[in-house]
N, C-alpha and C. Protein backbone atom coordinates (compact mmCIF):
# COMPACT_ATOMS: atom_id res chain seq x y z
N UNK A 1 0.85 -1.20 0.00
CA UNK A 1 0.00 0.00 0.00
C UNK A 1 0.88 1.25 0.00
N UNK A 2 0.57 2.17 -0.91
CA UNK A 2 1.33 3.43 -1.00
C UNK A 2 1.15 4.25 0.27
N UNK A 3 2.19 4.96 0.65
CA UNK A 3 2.14 5.88 1.78
C UNK A 3 2.29 7.29 1.23
N UNK A 4 1.22 8.05 1.29
CA UNK A 4 1.17 9.36 0.64
C UNK A 4 1.90 10.42 1.47
N UNK A 5 2.73 11.20 0.78
CA UNK A 5 3.50 12.24 1.45
C UNK A 5 3.64 13.47 0.54
N UNK A 6 3.97 14.60 1.18
CA UNK A 6 4.36 15.81 0.46
C UNK A 6 5.88 15.97 0.55
N UNK A 7 6.46 16.59 -0.46
CA UNK A 7 7.87 16.96 -0.42
C UNK A 7 8.02 18.26 -1.20
N UNK A 8 8.65 19.25 -0.60
CA UNK A 8 8.86 20.53 -1.28
C UNK A 8 10.34 20.70 -1.60
N UNK A 9 10.63 20.86 -2.88
CA UNK A 9 12.00 21.09 -3.35
C UNK A 9 12.27 22.58 -3.26
N UNK A 10 13.01 22.98 -2.24
CA UNK A 10 13.24 24.40 -1.99
C UNK A 10 14.00 25.09 -3.12
N UNK A 11 14.78 24.34 -3.88
CA UNK A 11 15.53 24.93 -4.99
C UNK A 11 14.61 25.33 -6.14
N UNK A 12 13.40 24.78 -6.15
CA UNK A 12 12.47 25.08 -7.24
C UNK A 12 11.36 26.06 -6.83
N UNK A 13 11.10 26.20 -5.55
CA UNK A 13 10.00 27.06 -5.10
C UNK A 13 10.33 28.52 -5.40
N UNK A 14 9.42 29.21 -6.09
CA UNK A 14 9.62 30.61 -6.46
C UNK A 14 8.69 31.55 -5.68
N UNK A 15 8.08 31.04 -4.63
CA UNK A 15 7.23 31.84 -3.75
C UNK A 15 6.07 32.51 -4.50
N UNK A 16 5.51 31.77 -5.46
CA UNK A 16 4.41 32.34 -6.25
C UNK A 16 3.07 32.21 -5.53
N UNK A 17 3.01 31.33 -4.52
CA UNK A 17 1.80 31.07 -3.75
C UNK A 17 0.69 30.44 -4.59
N UNK A 18 1.07 29.84 -5.71
CA UNK A 18 0.08 29.13 -6.51
C UNK A 18 -0.52 27.96 -5.77
N UNK A 19 0.29 27.29 -4.94
CA UNK A 19 -0.21 26.15 -4.17
C UNK A 19 -1.25 26.60 -3.14
N UNK A 20 -1.01 27.77 -2.55
CA UNK A 20 -1.94 28.32 -1.56
C UNK A 20 -3.28 28.63 -2.22
N UNK A 21 -3.21 29.27 -3.39
CA UNK A 21 -4.43 29.61 -4.12
C UNK A 21 -5.17 28.36 -4.57
N UNK A 22 -4.43 27.37 -5.05
CA UNK A 22 -5.06 26.13 -5.50
C UNK A 22 -5.78 25.43 -4.36
N UNK A 23 -5.16 25.43 -3.19
CA UNK A 23 -5.79 24.80 -2.02
C UNK A 23 -7.08 25.51 -1.65
N UNK A 24 -7.03 26.84 -1.66
CA UNK A 24 -8.23 27.63 -1.34
C UNK A 24 -9.35 27.34 -2.33
N UNK A 25 -9.01 27.30 -3.60
CA UNK A 25 -10.02 27.07 -4.64
C UNK A 25 -10.61 25.67 -4.56
N UNK A 26 -9.77 24.69 -4.24
CA UNK A 26 -10.24 23.30 -4.21
C UNK A 26 -11.13 23.03 -3.01
N UNK A 27 -10.84 23.67 -1.89
CA UNK A 27 -11.52 23.32 -0.64
C UNK A 27 -12.46 24.39 -0.10
N UNK A 28 -12.37 25.60 -0.64
CA UNK A 28 -13.24 26.70 -0.22
C UNK A 28 -13.30 26.81 1.30
N UNK A 29 -12.13 26.91 1.91
CA UNK A 29 -12.05 27.00 3.37
C UNK A 29 -12.54 28.36 3.86
N UNK A 30 -12.87 28.41 5.14
CA UNK A 30 -13.37 29.66 5.74
C UNK A 30 -12.31 30.74 5.70
N UNK A 31 -12.75 31.98 5.78
CA UNK A 31 -11.85 33.11 5.82
C UNK A 31 -10.90 32.99 7.02
N UNK A 32 -9.63 33.16 6.76
CA UNK A 32 -8.64 33.06 7.83
C UNK A 32 -8.00 31.70 7.96
N UNK A 33 -8.59 30.68 7.32
CA UNK A 33 -8.03 29.33 7.36
C UNK A 33 -7.01 29.18 6.22
N UNK A 34 -5.78 28.88 6.57
CA UNK A 34 -4.73 28.67 5.58
C UNK A 34 -4.20 27.25 5.74
N UNK A 35 -4.75 26.33 5.00
CA UNK A 35 -4.29 24.94 5.09
C UNK A 35 -2.85 24.82 4.58
N UNK A 36 -2.50 25.64 3.62
CA UNK A 36 -1.14 25.63 3.08
C UNK A 36 -0.62 27.06 3.01
N UNK A 37 0.67 27.22 3.28
CA UNK A 37 1.28 28.54 3.20
C UNK A 37 2.72 28.39 2.73
N UNK A 38 3.25 29.47 2.19
CA UNK A 38 4.65 29.47 1.75
C UNK A 38 5.47 30.25 2.76
N UNK A 39 6.50 29.62 3.28
CA UNK A 39 7.38 30.22 4.29
C UNK A 39 8.73 30.53 3.64
N UNK A 40 9.20 31.77 3.84
CA UNK A 40 10.49 32.18 3.30
C UNK A 40 11.49 32.35 4.43
N UNK A 41 12.63 31.71 4.30
CA UNK A 41 13.70 31.79 5.28
C UNK A 41 14.81 32.68 4.75
N UNK A 42 15.45 33.44 5.63
CA UNK A 42 16.53 34.35 5.26
C UNK A 42 16.07 35.32 4.18
N UNK A 43 14.91 35.91 4.38
CA UNK A 43 14.32 36.81 3.39
C UNK A 43 15.27 37.98 3.09
N UNK A 44 15.53 38.21 1.81
CA UNK A 44 16.38 39.32 1.39
C UNK A 44 17.86 39.03 1.40
N UNK A 45 18.25 37.85 1.84
CA UNK A 45 19.67 37.50 1.90
C UNK A 45 20.01 36.56 0.74
N UNK A 46 21.29 36.43 0.42
CA UNK A 46 21.68 35.51 -0.66
C UNK A 46 21.25 34.07 -0.40
N UNK A 47 21.10 33.72 0.86
CA UNK A 47 20.71 32.36 1.23
C UNK A 47 19.20 32.17 1.30
N UNK A 48 18.43 33.18 0.83
CA UNK A 48 16.97 33.11 0.89
C UNK A 48 16.43 31.86 0.21
N UNK A 49 15.48 31.23 0.86
CA UNK A 49 14.85 30.02 0.31
C UNK A 49 13.41 29.96 0.78
N UNK A 50 12.54 29.44 -0.07
CA UNK A 50 11.12 29.35 0.26
C UNK A 50 10.66 27.90 0.18
N UNK A 51 9.74 27.55 1.06
CA UNK A 51 9.16 26.21 1.06
C UNK A 51 7.66 26.30 1.30
N UNK A 52 6.95 25.36 0.71
CA UNK A 52 5.50 25.28 0.88
C UNK A 52 5.21 24.31 2.03
N UNK A 53 4.42 24.78 2.99
CA UNK A 53 4.20 24.00 4.22
C UNK A 53 2.71 23.76 4.45
N UNK A 54 2.40 22.55 4.86
CA UNK A 54 1.04 22.19 5.29
C UNK A 54 1.18 20.99 6.21
N UNK A 55 0.08 20.32 6.50
CA UNK A 55 0.17 19.07 7.26
C UNK A 55 1.03 18.09 6.48
N UNK A 56 2.00 17.50 7.15
CA UNK A 56 2.92 16.58 6.49
C UNK A 56 2.50 15.12 6.63
N UNK A 57 1.36 14.87 7.25
CA UNK A 57 0.81 13.53 7.39
C UNK A 57 1.87 12.56 7.93
N UNK A 58 2.34 12.92 9.11
CA UNK A 58 3.46 12.22 9.76
C UNK A 58 3.16 10.74 10.00
N UNK A 59 4.22 9.94 9.94
CA UNK A 59 4.07 8.52 10.27
C UNK A 59 3.66 8.35 11.73
N UNK A 60 4.28 9.14 12.60
CA UNK A 60 3.98 9.09 14.03
C UNK A 60 3.48 10.48 14.43
N UNK A 61 2.27 10.80 14.01
CA UNK A 61 1.74 12.15 14.13
C UNK A 61 1.55 12.57 15.58
N UNK A 62 2.21 13.65 16.02
CA UNK A 62 2.06 14.10 17.40
C UNK A 62 0.66 14.61 17.72
N UNK A 63 -0.04 15.12 16.71
CA UNK A 63 -1.42 15.59 16.93
C UNK A 63 -2.31 14.44 17.39
N UNK A 64 -2.10 13.26 16.80
CA UNK A 64 -2.88 12.09 17.19
C UNK A 64 -2.60 11.70 18.64
N UNK A 65 -1.34 11.87 19.05
CA UNK A 65 -0.94 11.44 20.39
C UNK A 65 -1.54 12.30 21.48
N UNK A 66 -1.76 13.60 21.20
CA UNK A 66 -2.20 14.51 22.27
C UNK A 66 -3.70 14.78 22.25
N UNK A 67 -4.40 14.40 21.22
CA UNK A 67 -5.83 14.71 21.13
C UNK A 67 -6.61 13.99 22.23
N UNK A 68 -7.30 14.72 23.09
CA UNK A 68 -8.02 14.07 24.20
C UNK A 68 -9.29 13.34 23.76
N UNK A 69 -9.78 13.64 22.56
CA UNK A 69 -11.01 12.97 22.10
C UNK A 69 -10.74 11.94 21.01
N UNK A 70 -9.47 11.74 20.66
CA UNK A 70 -9.10 10.80 19.60
C UNK A 70 -9.86 11.06 18.30
N UNK A 71 -9.88 12.32 17.91
CA UNK A 71 -10.61 12.65 16.68
C UNK A 71 -9.77 12.37 15.44
N UNK A 72 -8.47 12.14 15.61
CA UNK A 72 -7.59 11.86 14.47
C UNK A 72 -7.58 10.37 14.14
N UNK A 73 -7.39 10.08 12.88
CA UNK A 73 -7.18 8.71 12.45
C UNK A 73 -6.36 8.72 11.16
N UNK A 74 -5.77 7.60 10.85
CA UNK A 74 -4.92 7.50 9.67
C UNK A 74 -5.49 6.50 8.69
N UNK A 75 -5.53 6.87 7.42
CA UNK A 75 -6.03 5.97 6.38
C UNK A 75 -4.98 4.92 6.04
N UNK A 76 -5.36 3.95 5.24
CA UNK A 76 -4.45 2.88 4.86
C UNK A 76 -3.23 3.40 4.10
N UNK A 77 -3.42 4.50 3.37
CA UNK A 77 -2.30 5.06 2.63
C UNK A 77 -1.58 6.17 3.37
N UNK A 78 -1.74 6.20 4.69
CA UNK A 78 -0.93 7.08 5.53
C UNK A 78 -1.40 8.51 5.66
N UNK A 79 -2.58 8.84 5.18
CA UNK A 79 -3.09 10.21 5.28
C UNK A 79 -3.74 10.41 6.65
N UNK A 80 -3.34 11.48 7.33
CA UNK A 80 -3.88 11.78 8.67
C UNK A 80 -5.11 12.67 8.52
N UNK A 81 -6.25 12.16 8.94
CA UNK A 81 -7.51 12.90 8.87
C UNK A 81 -8.09 13.04 10.27
N UNK A 82 -9.17 13.82 10.40
CA UNK A 82 -9.81 13.98 11.70
C UNK A 82 -11.31 14.13 11.54
N UNK A 83 -12.02 13.81 12.60
CA UNK A 83 -13.48 13.86 12.62
C UNK A 83 -13.90 15.15 13.32
N UNK A 84 -14.45 16.08 12.57
CA UNK A 84 -14.84 17.37 13.15
C UNK A 84 -16.00 17.24 14.13
N UNK A 85 -16.77 16.17 14.01
CA UNK A 85 -17.88 15.98 14.94
C UNK A 85 -17.37 15.63 16.34
N UNK A 86 -16.15 15.12 16.42
CA UNK A 86 -15.56 14.74 17.71
C UNK A 86 -14.66 15.83 18.26
N UNK A 87 -14.08 16.63 17.38
CA UNK A 87 -13.16 17.71 17.79
C UNK A 87 -13.86 18.70 18.72
N UNK A 88 -13.16 19.08 19.81
CA UNK A 88 -13.71 20.06 20.76
C UNK A 88 -12.97 21.39 20.70
N UNK A 89 -12.03 21.51 19.76
CA UNK A 89 -11.33 22.78 19.59
C UNK A 89 -10.41 23.15 20.74
N UNK A 90 -9.83 22.16 21.40
CA UNK A 90 -9.00 22.44 22.58
C UNK A 90 -7.64 23.05 22.23
N UNK A 91 -7.17 22.80 21.01
CA UNK A 91 -5.90 23.38 20.58
C UNK A 91 -4.66 22.57 20.92
N UNK A 92 -4.80 21.43 21.54
CA UNK A 92 -3.63 20.62 21.88
C UNK A 92 -2.84 20.24 20.62
N UNK A 93 -3.57 19.94 19.56
CA UNK A 93 -2.91 19.53 18.32
C UNK A 93 -2.03 20.64 17.75
N UNK A 94 -2.48 21.88 17.90
CA UNK A 94 -1.70 23.01 17.40
C UNK A 94 -0.38 23.14 18.13
N UNK A 95 -0.42 22.94 19.43
CA UNK A 95 0.82 23.02 20.22
C UNK A 95 1.76 21.85 19.91
N UNK A 96 1.18 20.71 19.56
CA UNK A 96 2.00 19.52 19.30
C UNK A 96 2.60 19.50 17.90
N UNK A 97 1.93 20.12 16.94
CA UNK A 97 2.35 20.04 15.54
C UNK A 97 3.57 20.92 15.28
N UNK A 98 4.67 20.36 14.77
CA UNK A 98 5.87 21.17 14.48
C UNK A 98 5.72 22.02 13.23
N UNK A 99 4.66 21.80 12.45
CA UNK A 99 4.47 22.54 11.21
C UNK A 99 3.36 23.59 11.29
N UNK A 100 2.71 23.69 12.45
CA UNK A 100 1.63 24.67 12.61
C UNK A 100 0.46 24.38 11.70
N UNK A 101 0.22 23.12 11.39
CA UNK A 101 -0.83 22.76 10.43
C UNK A 101 -2.25 22.99 10.93
N UNK A 102 -2.58 22.64 12.18
CA UNK A 102 -3.96 22.84 12.65
C UNK A 102 -4.37 24.32 12.60
N UNK A 103 -5.55 24.56 12.07
CA UNK A 103 -6.07 25.92 11.93
C UNK A 103 -7.43 26.01 12.62
N UNK A 104 -7.75 27.20 13.10
CA UNK A 104 -9.03 27.41 13.77
C UNK A 104 -9.73 28.63 13.18
N UNK A 105 -11.05 28.55 12.96
CA UNK A 105 -11.77 29.63 12.28
C UNK A 105 -11.96 30.91 13.10
N UNK A 106 -11.77 30.83 14.41
CA UNK A 106 -11.97 32.01 15.24
C UNK A 106 -10.72 32.29 16.08
N UNK A 107 -10.65 33.48 16.67
CA UNK A 107 -9.47 33.87 17.43
C UNK A 107 -9.73 33.96 18.93
N UNK A 108 -10.86 33.44 19.37
CA UNK A 108 -11.16 33.46 20.80
C UNK A 108 -10.30 32.42 21.54
N UNK A 109 -10.60 32.23 22.81
CA UNK A 109 -9.87 31.24 23.61
C UNK A 109 -10.13 29.85 23.05
N UNK A 110 -9.14 28.97 23.23
CA UNK A 110 -9.32 27.59 22.78
C UNK A 110 -10.56 27.00 23.45
N UNK A 111 -11.28 26.21 22.70
CA UNK A 111 -12.56 25.68 23.15
C UNK A 111 -13.70 26.51 22.61
N UNK A 112 -13.37 27.75 22.19
CA UNK A 112 -14.38 28.63 21.59
C UNK A 112 -13.95 29.09 20.20
N UNK A 113 -12.89 28.52 19.69
CA UNK A 113 -12.39 28.90 18.37
C UNK A 113 -13.06 28.12 17.24
N UNK A 114 -13.85 27.14 17.59
CA UNK A 114 -14.50 26.32 16.58
C UNK A 114 -13.72 25.05 16.29
N UNK A 115 -14.21 24.29 15.34
CA UNK A 115 -13.60 23.01 15.00
C UNK A 115 -12.28 23.22 14.26
N UNK A 116 -11.30 22.40 14.62
CA UNK A 116 -10.00 22.50 13.95
C UNK A 116 -10.12 22.12 12.48
N UNK A 117 -9.32 22.77 11.65
CA UNK A 117 -9.27 22.48 10.23
C UNK A 117 -7.82 22.33 9.82
N UNK A 118 -7.55 21.45 8.87
CA UNK A 118 -6.17 21.27 8.39
C UNK A 118 -6.19 20.62 7.02
N UNK A 119 -5.01 20.54 6.40
CA UNK A 119 -4.87 19.86 5.12
C UNK A 119 -5.30 18.41 5.25
N UNK A 120 -6.07 17.94 4.28
CA UNK A 120 -6.54 16.55 4.27
C UNK A 120 -5.89 15.74 3.16
N UNK A 121 -4.88 16.32 2.50
CA UNK A 121 -4.28 15.69 1.32
C UNK A 121 -5.35 15.52 0.25
N UNK A 122 -6.34 16.41 0.29
CA UNK A 122 -7.49 16.33 -0.63
C UNK A 122 -8.14 14.96 -0.58
N UNK A 123 -8.27 14.42 0.66
CA UNK A 123 -8.87 13.10 0.84
C UNK A 123 -10.19 13.18 1.59
N UNK A 124 -10.73 14.37 1.77
CA UNK A 124 -12.01 14.51 2.43
C UNK A 124 -11.98 14.15 3.90
N UNK A 125 -13.04 13.50 4.36
CA UNK A 125 -13.15 13.13 5.76
C UNK A 125 -14.43 12.38 6.00
N UNK A 126 -14.68 11.98 7.27
CA UNK A 126 -15.88 11.18 7.56
C UNK A 126 -17.17 11.98 7.43
N UNK A 127 -18.06 11.51 6.58
CA UNK A 127 -19.36 12.15 6.38
C UNK A 127 -20.30 11.16 5.71
N UNK A 128 -21.58 11.40 5.84
CA UNK A 128 -22.56 10.47 5.28
C UNK A 128 -22.81 10.72 3.80
N UNK A 129 -22.65 11.96 3.36
CA UNK A 129 -22.88 12.28 1.96
C UNK A 129 -21.69 13.07 1.42
N UNK A 130 -21.56 13.11 0.09
CA UNK A 130 -20.47 13.86 -0.54
C UNK A 130 -20.61 15.35 -0.27
N UNK A 131 -21.86 15.82 -0.22
CA UNK A 131 -22.09 17.24 0.04
C UNK A 131 -21.64 17.62 1.44
N UNK A 132 -21.97 16.77 2.41
CA UNK A 132 -21.55 17.03 3.79
C UNK A 132 -20.02 16.95 3.91
N UNK A 133 -19.43 15.98 3.20
CA UNK A 133 -17.98 15.83 3.24
C UNK A 133 -17.30 17.08 2.69
N UNK A 134 -17.79 17.60 1.58
CA UNK A 134 -17.17 18.78 0.99
C UNK A 134 -17.33 20.00 1.89
N UNK A 135 -18.49 20.13 2.50
CA UNK A 135 -18.75 21.28 3.38
C UNK A 135 -17.82 21.26 4.59
N UNK A 136 -17.56 20.08 5.14
CA UNK A 136 -16.74 19.97 6.35
C UNK A 136 -15.25 19.94 6.06
N UNK A 137 -14.89 19.20 5.00
CA UNK A 137 -13.46 18.90 4.80
C UNK A 137 -12.90 19.33 3.46
N UNK A 138 -13.76 19.74 2.55
CA UNK A 138 -13.27 20.14 1.24
C UNK A 138 -13.27 18.98 0.25
N UNK A 139 -12.47 19.12 -0.79
CA UNK A 139 -12.47 18.17 -1.90
C UNK A 139 -11.92 16.81 -1.50
N UNK A 140 -12.45 15.77 -2.14
CA UNK A 140 -11.91 14.42 -1.99
C UNK A 140 -11.40 13.97 -3.35
N UNK A 141 -10.27 14.52 -3.74
CA UNK A 141 -9.66 14.19 -5.03
C UNK A 141 -9.04 12.80 -5.03
N UNK A 142 -8.63 12.33 -3.87
CA UNK A 142 -8.04 11.00 -3.78
C UNK A 142 -9.05 9.94 -4.22
N UNK A 143 -10.32 10.11 -3.82
CA UNK A 143 -11.36 9.16 -4.21
C UNK A 143 -11.59 9.16 -5.71
N UNK A 144 -11.21 10.26 -6.37
CA UNK A 144 -11.36 10.38 -7.82
C UNK A 144 -10.11 9.93 -8.56
N UNK A 145 -9.12 9.43 -7.81
CA UNK A 145 -7.88 8.99 -8.43
C UNK A 145 -6.94 10.12 -8.77
N UNK A 146 -7.12 11.28 -8.09
CA UNK A 146 -6.29 12.44 -8.35
C UNK A 146 -5.43 12.76 -7.12
N UNK A 147 -4.41 13.56 -7.32
CA UNK A 147 -3.56 14.01 -6.22
C UNK A 147 -3.98 15.42 -5.79
N UNK A 148 -3.49 15.90 -4.64
CA UNK A 148 -3.86 17.23 -4.17
C UNK A 148 -3.61 18.31 -5.23
N UNK A 149 -4.55 19.24 -5.33
CA UNK A 149 -4.47 20.26 -6.37
C UNK A 149 -3.27 21.16 -6.19
N UNK A 150 -2.83 21.38 -4.95
CA UNK A 150 -1.69 22.25 -4.70
C UNK A 150 -0.46 21.75 -5.45
N UNK A 151 -0.23 20.43 -5.44
CA UNK A 151 0.93 19.86 -6.12
C UNK A 151 0.73 19.84 -7.63
N UNK A 152 -0.47 19.55 -8.06
CA UNK A 152 -0.71 19.50 -9.50
C UNK A 152 -0.59 20.88 -10.14
N UNK A 153 -0.87 21.93 -9.38
CA UNK A 153 -0.83 23.28 -9.93
C UNK A 153 0.51 23.97 -9.74
N UNK A 154 1.45 23.34 -9.08
CA UNK A 154 2.76 23.96 -8.84
C UNK A 154 3.47 24.15 -10.18
N UNK A 155 3.75 25.39 -10.55
CA UNK A 155 4.29 25.70 -11.87
C UNK A 155 5.70 25.19 -12.08
N UNK A 156 6.48 25.08 -11.02
CA UNK A 156 7.86 24.61 -11.15
C UNK A 156 8.03 23.18 -10.67
N UNK A 157 6.95 22.54 -10.27
CA UNK A 157 6.97 21.19 -9.72
C UNK A 157 7.89 21.10 -8.50
N UNK A 158 7.91 22.20 -7.75
CA UNK A 158 8.66 22.19 -6.49
C UNK A 158 7.93 21.34 -5.46
N UNK A 159 6.60 21.45 -5.46
CA UNK A 159 5.79 20.71 -4.49
C UNK A 159 5.38 19.38 -5.11
N UNK A 160 5.84 18.31 -4.51
CA UNK A 160 5.53 16.97 -4.98
C UNK A 160 4.57 16.30 -4.00
N UNK A 161 3.66 15.52 -4.52
CA UNK A 161 2.73 14.77 -3.67
C UNK A 161 2.50 13.41 -4.29
N UNK A 162 2.43 12.40 -3.45
CA UNK A 162 2.19 11.05 -3.95
C UNK A 162 2.83 10.02 -3.04
N UNK A 163 3.05 8.84 -3.59
CA UNK A 163 3.68 7.77 -2.82
C UNK A 163 5.07 8.21 -2.38
N UNK A 164 5.39 7.98 -1.12
CA UNK A 164 6.65 8.45 -0.54
C UNK A 164 7.86 7.96 -1.34
N UNK A 165 7.83 6.72 -1.77
CA UNK A 165 8.97 6.17 -2.50
C UNK A 165 9.11 6.84 -3.87
N UNK A 166 7.99 7.10 -4.53
CA UNK A 166 8.02 7.71 -5.85
C UNK A 166 8.58 9.12 -5.81
N UNK A 167 8.07 9.94 -4.88
CA UNK A 167 8.54 11.32 -4.84
C UNK A 167 9.98 11.39 -4.31
N UNK A 168 10.37 10.43 -3.48
CA UNK A 168 11.76 10.38 -3.03
C UNK A 168 12.69 10.08 -4.20
N UNK A 169 12.25 9.19 -5.09
CA UNK A 169 13.05 8.85 -6.27
C UNK A 169 13.19 10.06 -7.19
N UNK A 170 12.09 10.82 -7.35
CA UNK A 170 12.14 12.02 -8.19
C UNK A 170 13.13 13.02 -7.61
N UNK A 171 13.04 13.26 -6.31
CA UNK A 171 13.94 14.22 -5.68
C UNK A 171 15.38 13.74 -5.73
N UNK A 172 15.58 12.44 -5.56
CA UNK A 172 16.94 11.88 -5.62
C UNK A 172 17.55 12.11 -7.00
N UNK A 173 16.75 11.97 -8.05
CA UNK A 173 17.24 12.21 -9.40
C UNK A 173 17.63 13.68 -9.58
N UNK A 174 16.83 14.55 -9.02
CA UNK A 174 17.15 15.98 -9.12
C UNK A 174 18.48 16.29 -8.43
N UNK A 175 18.69 15.68 -7.29
CA UNK A 175 19.94 15.89 -6.55
C UNK A 175 21.13 15.45 -7.40
N UNK A 176 20.99 14.31 -8.05
CA UNK A 176 22.07 13.79 -8.89
C UNK A 176 22.38 14.76 -10.02
N UNK A 177 21.34 15.28 -10.67
CA UNK A 177 21.55 16.18 -11.79
C UNK A 177 22.05 17.55 -11.37
N UNK A 178 21.90 17.88 -10.09
CA UNK A 178 22.47 19.13 -9.60
C UNK A 178 23.93 18.96 -9.23
N UNK A 179 24.42 17.77 -9.31
CA UNK A 179 25.81 17.52 -8.97
C UNK A 179 26.00 17.09 -7.54
N UNK A 180 24.97 17.21 -6.71
CA UNK A 180 24.94 16.84 -5.29
C UNK A 180 26.18 17.27 -4.51
N UNK A 181 26.83 18.35 -4.95
CA UNK A 181 27.98 18.85 -4.18
C UNK A 181 27.56 19.28 -2.79
N UNK A 182 26.39 19.90 -2.71
CA UNK A 182 25.87 20.33 -1.42
C UNK A 182 24.59 19.58 -1.08
N UNK A 183 24.45 18.39 -1.55
CA UNK A 183 23.23 17.63 -1.26
C UNK A 183 22.04 18.15 -2.04
N UNK A 184 20.86 17.96 -1.48
CA UNK A 184 19.61 18.32 -2.15
C UNK A 184 19.42 19.79 -2.37
N UNK A 185 20.24 20.63 -1.77
CA UNK A 185 20.04 22.07 -1.86
C UNK A 185 21.04 22.71 -2.82
N UNK A 186 21.78 21.91 -3.59
CA UNK A 186 22.68 22.48 -4.58
C UNK A 186 21.88 23.29 -5.59
N UNK A 187 22.46 24.36 -6.07
CA UNK A 187 21.74 25.24 -6.99
C UNK A 187 21.75 24.69 -8.40
N UNK A 188 20.77 25.13 -9.20
CA UNK A 188 20.70 24.73 -10.59
C UNK A 188 21.93 25.23 -11.34
N UNK A 189 22.43 26.42 -10.96
CA UNK A 189 23.60 26.99 -11.62
C UNK A 189 24.80 26.05 -11.52
N UNK A 190 24.97 25.43 -10.36
CA UNK A 190 26.09 24.50 -10.19
C UNK A 190 25.95 23.31 -11.12
N UNK A 191 24.72 22.86 -11.29
CA UNK A 191 24.49 21.72 -12.17
C UNK A 191 24.80 22.09 -13.61
N UNK A 192 24.41 23.29 -14.01
CA UNK A 192 24.67 23.74 -15.37
C UNK A 192 26.16 23.87 -15.62
N UNK A 193 26.92 24.26 -14.61
CA UNK A 193 28.36 24.41 -14.74
C UNK A 193 29.06 23.05 -14.82
N UNK A 194 28.33 22.00 -14.46
CA UNK A 194 28.94 20.68 -14.44
C UNK A 194 29.11 20.09 -15.83
N UNK A 195 28.45 20.69 -16.82
CA UNK A 195 28.60 20.20 -18.18
C UNK A 195 27.27 19.97 -18.86
N UNK A 196 27.27 19.85 -20.19
CA UNK A 196 26.04 19.70 -20.96
C UNK A 196 25.26 18.43 -20.65
N UNK A 197 25.96 17.36 -20.30
CA UNK A 197 25.26 16.10 -20.01
C UNK A 197 24.35 16.23 -18.81
N UNK A 198 24.76 17.07 -17.85
CA UNK A 198 23.96 17.27 -16.65
C UNK A 198 22.85 18.27 -16.90
N UNK A 199 23.20 19.43 -17.44
CA UNK A 199 22.20 20.49 -17.62
C UNK A 199 21.12 20.09 -18.61
N UNK A 200 21.44 19.20 -19.56
CA UNK A 200 20.45 18.77 -20.55
C UNK A 200 19.31 18.01 -19.91
N UNK A 201 19.55 17.44 -18.75
CA UNK A 201 18.52 16.63 -18.08
C UNK A 201 17.68 17.43 -17.11
N UNK A 202 17.96 18.71 -16.91
CA UNK A 202 17.22 19.50 -15.94
C UNK A 202 15.75 19.61 -16.31
N UNK A 203 15.47 19.79 -17.62
CA UNK A 203 14.09 19.92 -18.05
C UNK A 203 13.31 18.65 -17.79
N UNK A 204 13.96 17.50 -17.90
CA UNK A 204 13.27 16.24 -17.65
C UNK A 204 12.80 16.16 -16.20
N UNK A 205 13.55 16.77 -15.30
CA UNK A 205 13.20 16.72 -13.89
C UNK A 205 12.03 17.64 -13.55
N UNK A 206 11.58 18.45 -14.53
CA UNK A 206 10.46 19.37 -14.29
C UNK A 206 9.13 18.74 -14.64
N UNK A 207 9.13 17.45 -14.99
CA UNK A 207 7.88 16.84 -15.43
C UNK A 207 6.89 16.75 -14.28
N UNK A 208 5.64 16.60 -14.64
CA UNK A 208 4.55 16.54 -13.67
C UNK A 208 4.73 15.32 -12.77
N UNK A 209 4.83 15.56 -11.48
CA UNK A 209 5.05 14.47 -10.52
C UNK A 209 3.87 13.52 -10.45
N UNK A 210 2.73 13.94 -10.98
CA UNK A 210 1.55 13.09 -10.92
C UNK A 210 1.40 12.21 -12.15
N UNK A 211 2.30 12.40 -13.15
CA UNK A 211 2.15 11.68 -14.41
C UNK A 211 2.14 10.17 -14.21
N UNK A 212 3.10 9.68 -13.41
CA UNK A 212 3.22 8.24 -13.22
C UNK A 212 1.96 7.66 -12.60
N UNK A 213 1.37 8.42 -11.65
CA UNK A 213 0.15 7.94 -11.01
C UNK A 213 -1.01 7.88 -11.98
N UNK A 214 -1.12 8.92 -12.82
CA UNK A 214 -2.24 8.96 -13.76
C UNK A 214 -2.10 7.89 -14.84
N UNK A 215 -0.84 7.71 -15.33
CA UNK A 215 -0.65 6.75 -16.40
C UNK A 215 -0.74 5.31 -15.87
N UNK A 216 -0.40 5.14 -14.55
CA UNK A 216 -0.48 3.80 -13.97
C UNK A 216 -1.91 3.41 -13.77
């Protein structure tokens, strides 16, 4: 069984926020809810780098460990989801999550902020009807055989989504073509300086990360 994960290639992210917009459009979340955001480190410096961040659907999710109502559960393909009917809005998950993924629709004290919301990997959530599922959790693209819209709409294919082994292989190939002098964060310029055999393959690494899934 595939284990679904996100991976953001910081060397490719151009801080366009296309992934953020795609997520909003796909799930129509409430005002103030940001399931995905782009974080820039060392802003304005030569070492500046941007990454797209959301729920990372951890193997050993700390949010699941601290939830007093056990509203979290994991699907067979490793996606961490939660039941909003059980959530009491206590905020424990927000304190436990290293990525700041849990979001709340209101700014009052915890317990009065409303039901927690987060990235679902576009896998929906527990509901009796599709309409109820969309209203509570947003799109269920996984059930349609599709990957999260944020990754599919990434113009530079910096944001990858899919089976952990597949996206790891894609990223590993990119590292090789960059010359891997500095690991996964080597610049494209260094790869181009390595010679035509390397730089000629850079365009191949820009292919749609979802192609293999769709064609399979």
